[in-house]
């Protein structure tokens, strides 16, 4: 089977927080200089240059979060880190709305249990994700209804 890339579902409010936060890091020094709150143009430019990598770091998950399903593995790429999970190790998948920190840009998530560990992901096309992962490992138990 061919490798399949699943992009993360993105909740509007998470995207808003990421974009507003990162743009604020850049625009606040510009605003201070423009409206006379700071007399030093060099200070503001230096501050923008220092804060630019932090703004990019905040946006990296927005552009880089994806899940790659191969014949034998699930790669979870959050832009900042990559995790490799063997499909043979996955025992259970269930929907969740957990707010735990995870490589997911939505609260509409799947909890994947493997080797006494778990990871939360949020593939945009859940039905296809279920179908493809089950085709690669039919032993995985998939619960499709939320358990709160």
C-alpha atoms as a PDB file:
ATOM      1  CA  UNK A   1       0.000   0.000   0.000  1.00  0.00           C
ATOM      2  CA  UNK A   2       1.100   3.542  -0.671  1.00  0.00           C
ATOM      3  CA  UNK A   3       1.974   5.964   2.099  1.00  0.00           C
ATOM      4  CA  UNK A   4      -0.889   8.290   2.987  1.00  0.00           C
ATOM      5  CA  UNK A   5      -0.566  11.750   4.501  1.00  0.00           C
ATOM      6  CA  UNK A   6      -3.369  12.939   6.769  1.00  0.00           C
ATOM      7  CA  UNK A   7      -3.360  16.639   7.630  1.00  0.00           C
ATOM      8  CA  UNK A   8      -4.490  17.820  11.034  1.00  0.00           C
ATOM      9  CA  UNK A   9      -7.959  19.220  11.466  1.00  0.00           C
ATOM     10  CA  UNK A  10      -7.659  22.828  12.636  1.00  0.00           C
ATOM     11  CA  UNK A  11     -10.057  24.459  15.087  1.00  0.00           C
ATOM     12  CA  UNK A  12     -10.692  28.137  14.350  1.00  0.00           C
ATOM     13  CA  UNK A  13      -9.902  29.259  17.891  1.00  0.00           C
ATOM     14  CA  UNK A  14      -6.543  27.416  17.941  1.00  0.00           C
ATOM     15  CA  UNK A  15      -5.595  28.973  14.584  1.00  0.00           C
ATOM     16  CA  UNK A  16      -6.646  32.380  15.902  1.00  0.00           C
ATOM     17  CA  UNK A  17      -4.488  32.025  19.025  1.00  0.00           C
ATOM     18  CA  UNK A  18      -1.463  30.931  16.976  1.00  0.00           C
ATOM     19  CA  UNK A  19      -1.786  33.715  14.394  1.00  0.00           C
ATOM     20  CA  UNK A  20      -2.656  36.540  16.807  1.00  0.00           C
ATOM     21  CA  UNK A  21       0.094  35.490  19.208  1.00  0.00           C
ATOM     22  CA  UNK A  22       2.783  35.271  16.565  1.00  0.00           C
ATOM     23  CA  UNK A  23       1.758  38.466  14.752  1.00  0.00           C
ATOM     24  CA  UNK A  24       1.628  40.326  18.084  1.00  0.00           C
ATOM     25  CA  UNK A  25       5.254  39.465  18.718  1.00  0.00           C
ATOM     26  CA  UNK A  26       6.205  41.241  15.515  1.00  0.00           C
ATOM     27  CA  UNK A  27       3.652  44.060  15.422  1.00  0.00           C
ATOM     28  CA  UNK A  28       3.940  45.343  19.006  1.00  0.00           C
ATOM     29  CA  UNK A  29       7.484  46.742  18.532  1.00  0.00           C
ATOM     30  CA  UNK A  30       6.355  48.236  15.207  1.00  0.00           C
ATOM     31  CA  UNK A  31       3.295  49.779  16.863  1.00  0.00           C
ATOM     32  CA  UNK A  32       5.453  51.213  19.683  1.00  0.00           C
ATOM     33  CA  UNK A  33       7.760  52.879  17.175  1.00  0.00           C
ATOM     34  CA  UNK A  34       4.941  54.148  14.935  1.00  0.00           C
ATOM     35  CA  UNK A  35       2.906  55.756  17.719  1.00  0.00           C
ATOM     36  CA  UNK A  36       5.853  57.256  19.581  1.00  0.00           C
ATOM     37  CA  UNK A  37       5.863  54.939  22.574  1.00  0.00           C
ATOM     38  CA  UNK A  38       9.550  54.289  21.967  1.00  0.00           C
ATOM     39  CA  UNK A  39      12.111  56.793  20.712  1.00  0.00           C
ATOM     40  CA  UNK A  40      14.637  54.226  19.555  1.00  0.00           C
ATOM     41  CA  UNK A  41      14.043  52.821  16.078  1.00  0.00           C
ATOM     42  CA  UNK A  42      17.091  50.557  16.489  1.00  0.00           C
ATOM     43  CA  UNK A  43      15.649  49.071  19.700  1.00  0.00           C
ATOM     44  CA  UNK A  44      12.399  48.234  17.920  1.00  0.00           C
ATOM     45  CA  UNK A  45      14.155  46.674  14.919  1.00  0.00           C
ATOM     46  CA  UNK A  46      16.375  44.631  17.219  1.00  0.00           C
ATOM     47  CA  UNK A  47      13.346  43.543  19.239  1.00  0.00           C
ATOM     48  CA  UNK A  48      11.522  42.469  16.053  1.00  0.00           C
ATOM     49  CA  UNK A  49      14.569  40.496  14.865  1.00  0.00           C
ATOM     50  CA  UNK A  50      14.858  38.765  18.246  1.00  0.00           C
ATOM     51  CA  UNK A  51      11.129  37.965  18.395  1.00  0.00           C
ATOM     52  CA  UNK A  52      10.815  36.770  14.767  1.00  0.00           C
ATOM     53  CA  UNK A  53      12.111  33.223  15.490  1.00  0.00           C
ATOM     54  CA  UNK A  54       9.626  32.912  18.360  1.00  0.00           C
ATOM     55  CA  UNK A  55       6.786  33.966  16.073  1.00  0.00           C
ATOM     56  CA  UNK A  56       7.909  31.399  13.486  1.00  0.00           C
ATOM     57  CA  UNK A  57       8.120  28.763  16.226  1.00  0.00           C
ATOM     58  CA  UNK A  58       4.526  29.493  17.232  1.00  0.00           C
ATOM     59  CA  UNK A  59       3.329  29.024  13.634  1.00  0.00           C
ATOM     60  CA  UNK A  60       5.357  25.903  12.880  1.00  0.00           C
ATOM     61  CA  UNK A  61       2.724  23.448  14.188  1.00  0.00           C
ATOM     62  CA  UNK A  62       0.086  25.248  12.106  1.00  0.00           C
ATOM     63  CA  UNK A  63       1.936  24.449   8.885  1.00  0.00           C
ATOM     64  CA  UNK A  64       3.721  21.236   9.854  1.00  0.00           C
ATOM     65  CA  UNK A  65       1.273  18.990  11.724  1.00  0.00           C
ATOM     66  CA  UNK A  66       0.535  15.849   9.742  1.00  0.00           C
ATOM     67  CA  UNK A  67       0.246  12.115  10.174  1.00  0.00           C
ATOM     68  CA  UNK A  68       1.893   9.754   7.682  1.00  0.00           C
ATOM     69  CA  UNK A  69       0.577   6.222   7.493  1.00  0.00           C
ATOM     70  CA  UNK A  70       2.915   3.658   5.900  1.00  0.00           C
ATOM     71  CA  UNK A  71       2.498  -0.096   5.600  1.00  0.00           C
ATOM     72  CA  UNK A  72       3.976  -0.685   9.043  1.00  0.00           C
ATOM     73  CA  UNK A  73       4.236   2.653  10.842  1.00  0.00           C
ATOM     74  CA  UNK A  74       2.425   5.831  11.797  1.00  0.00           C
ATOM     75  CA  UNK A  75       4.605   8.948  11.738  1.00  0.00           C
ATOM     76  CA  UNK A  76       3.256  11.824  13.800  1.00  0.00           C
ATOM     77  CA  UNK A  77       4.931  15.033  12.615  1.00  0.00           C
ATOM     78  CA  UNK A  78       4.101  18.194  14.542  1.00  0.00           C
ATOM     79  CA  UNK A  79       6.583  20.431  12.802  1.00  0.00           C
ATOM     80  CA  UNK A  80       8.694  20.530  15.948  1.00  0.00           C
ATOM     81  CA  UNK A  81       9.146  16.807  16.464  1.00  0.00           C
ATOM     82  CA  UNK A  82       8.389  13.477  14.829  1.00  0.00           C
ATOM     83  CA  UNK A  83       7.201  10.341  16.548  1.00  0.00           C
ATOM     84  CA  UNK A  84       7.218   6.889  14.979  1.00  0.00           C
ATOM     85  CA  UNK A  85       4.675   4.303  16.104  1.00  0.00           C
ATOM     86  CA  UNK A  86       4.715   0.736  14.839  1.00  0.00           C
ATOM     87  CA  UNK A  87       1.226  -0.258  13.664  1.00  0.00           C
ATOM     88  CA  UNK A  88       1.722  -3.681  15.242  1.00  0.00           C
ATOM     89  CA  UNK A  89       2.017  -1.948  18.646  1.00  0.00           C
ATOM     90  CA  UNK A  90      -1.290  -0.055  18.360  1.00  0.00           C
ATOM     91  CA  UNK A  91      -4.051  -1.760  20.322  1.00  0.00           C
ATOM     92  CA  UNK A  92      -6.888   0.741  20.609  1.00  0.00           C
ATOM     93  CA  UNK A  93      -8.151   3.959  18.979  1.00  0.00           C
ATOM     94  CA  UNK A  94     -10.988   6.041  20.396  1.00  0.00           C
ATOM     95  CA  UNK A  95     -12.319   9.578  19.816  1.00  0.00           C
ATOM     96  CA  UNK A  96     -11.706  12.097  22.573  1.00  0.00           C
ATOM     97  CA  UNK A  97     -12.042  15.817  23.280  1.00  0.00           C
ATOM     98  CA  UNK A  98      -9.154  15.858  25.746  1.00  0.00           C
ATOM     99  CA  UNK A  99      -7.382  19.199  26.121  1.00  0.00           C
ATOM    100  CA  UNK A 100      -4.064  17.532  26.910  1.00  0.00           C
ATOM    101  CA  UNK A 101      -1.134  18.946  24.981  1.00  0.00           C
ATOM    102  CA  UNK A 102      -0.716  16.970  21.765  1.00  0.00           C
ATOM    103  CA  UNK A 103       0.380  17.162  18.130  1.00  0.00           C
ATOM    104  CA  UNK A 104      -3.192  18.071  17.164  1.00  0.00           C
ATOM    105  CA  UNK A 105      -4.673  21.420  16.117  1.00  0.00           C
ATOM    106  CA  UNK A 106      -8.242  20.492  17.010  1.00  0.00           C
ATOM    107  CA  UNK A 107     -10.048  19.172  20.072  1.00  0.00           C
ATOM    108  CA  UNK A 108     -11.784  16.648  17.796  1.00  0.00           C
ATOM    109  CA  UNK A 109      -9.075  14.068  18.469  1.00  0.00           C
ATOM    110  CA  UNK A 110      -8.268  10.393  18.385  1.00  0.00           C
ATOM    111  CA  UNK A 111      -6.505   8.734  21.297  1.00  0.00           C
ATOM    112  CA  UNK A 112      -4.162   6.036  20.049  1.00  0.00           C
ATOM    113  CA  UNK A 113      -2.997   3.525  22.636  1.00  0.00           C
ATOM    114  CA  UNK A 114       0.198   1.568  22.030  1.00  0.00           C
ATOM    115  CA  UNK A 115       2.806  -0.159  24.246  1.00  0.00           C
ATOM    116  CA  UNK A 116       1.250   1.239  27.457  1.00  0.00           C
ATOM    117  CA  UNK A 117       1.518   4.740  25.972  1.00  0.00           C
ATOM    118  CA  UNK A 118      -0.932   7.021  24.235  1.00  0.00           C
ATOM    119  CA  UNK A 119      -0.873   9.886  21.777  1.00  0.00           C
ATOM    120  CA  UNK A 120      -3.601  12.285  20.668  1.00  0.00           C
ATOM    121  CA  UNK A 121      -3.946  13.198  17.002  1.00  0.00           C
ATOM    122  CA  UNK A 122      -6.608  15.011  14.966  1.00  0.00           C
ATOM    123  CA  UNK A 123      -6.725  13.801  11.349  1.00  0.00           C
ATOM    124  CA  UNK A 124      -9.088  15.877   9.219  1.00  0.00           C
ATOM    125  CA  UNK A 125     -10.452  12.812   7.391  1.00  0.00           C
ATOM    126  CA  UNK A 126     -11.224  10.476  10.307  1.00  0.00           C
ATOM    127  CA  UNK A 127     -13.308   7.906   8.369  1.00  0.00           C
ATOM    128  CA  UNK A 128     -10.506   7.370   5.867  1.00  0.00           C
ATOM    129  CA  UNK A 129      -7.925   7.241   8.682  1.00  0.00           C
ATOM    130  CA  UNK A 130      -9.956   4.493  10.381  1.00  0.00           C
ATOM    131  CA  UNK A 131     -10.289   2.591   7.109  1.00  0.00           C
ATOM    132  CA  UNK A 132      -6.609   2.825   6.169  1.00  0.00           C
ATOM    133  CA  UNK A 133      -5.183   1.982   9.588  1.00  0.00           C
ATOM    134  CA  UNK A 134      -7.539  -0.984   9.978  1.00  0.00           C
ATOM    135  CA  UNK A 135      -6.557  -2.250   6.507  1.00  0.00           C
ATOM    136  CA  UNK A 136      -2.926  -2.247   7.610  1.00  0.00           C
ATOM    137  CA  UNK A 137      -3.567  -3.804  11.036  1.00  0.00           C
ATOM    138  CA  UNK A 138      -6.992  -5.458  11.451  1.00  0.00           C
ATOM    139  CA  UNK A 139      -6.215  -6.286  15.117  1.00  0.00           C
ATOM    140  CA  UNK A 140      -6.613  -2.644  16.179  1.00  0.00           C
ATOM    141  CA  UNK A 141      -9.820  -2.094  18.150  1.00  0.00           C
ATOM    142  CA  UNK A 142     -11.491   1.101  16.972  1.00  0.00           C
ATOM    143  CA  UNK A 143     -14.191   2.821  19.028  1.00  0.00           C
ATOM    144  CA  UNK A 144     -15.971   5.396  16.886  1.00  0.00           C
ATOM    145  CA  UNK A 145     -18.171   6.995  19.538  1.00  0.00           C
ATOM    146  CA  UNK A 146     -16.988   9.459  22.152  1.00  0.00           C
ATOM    147  CA  UNK A 147     -16.372   8.077  25.627  1.00  0.00           C
ATOM    148  CA  UNK A 148     -16.491  10.926  28.125  1.00  0.00           C
END
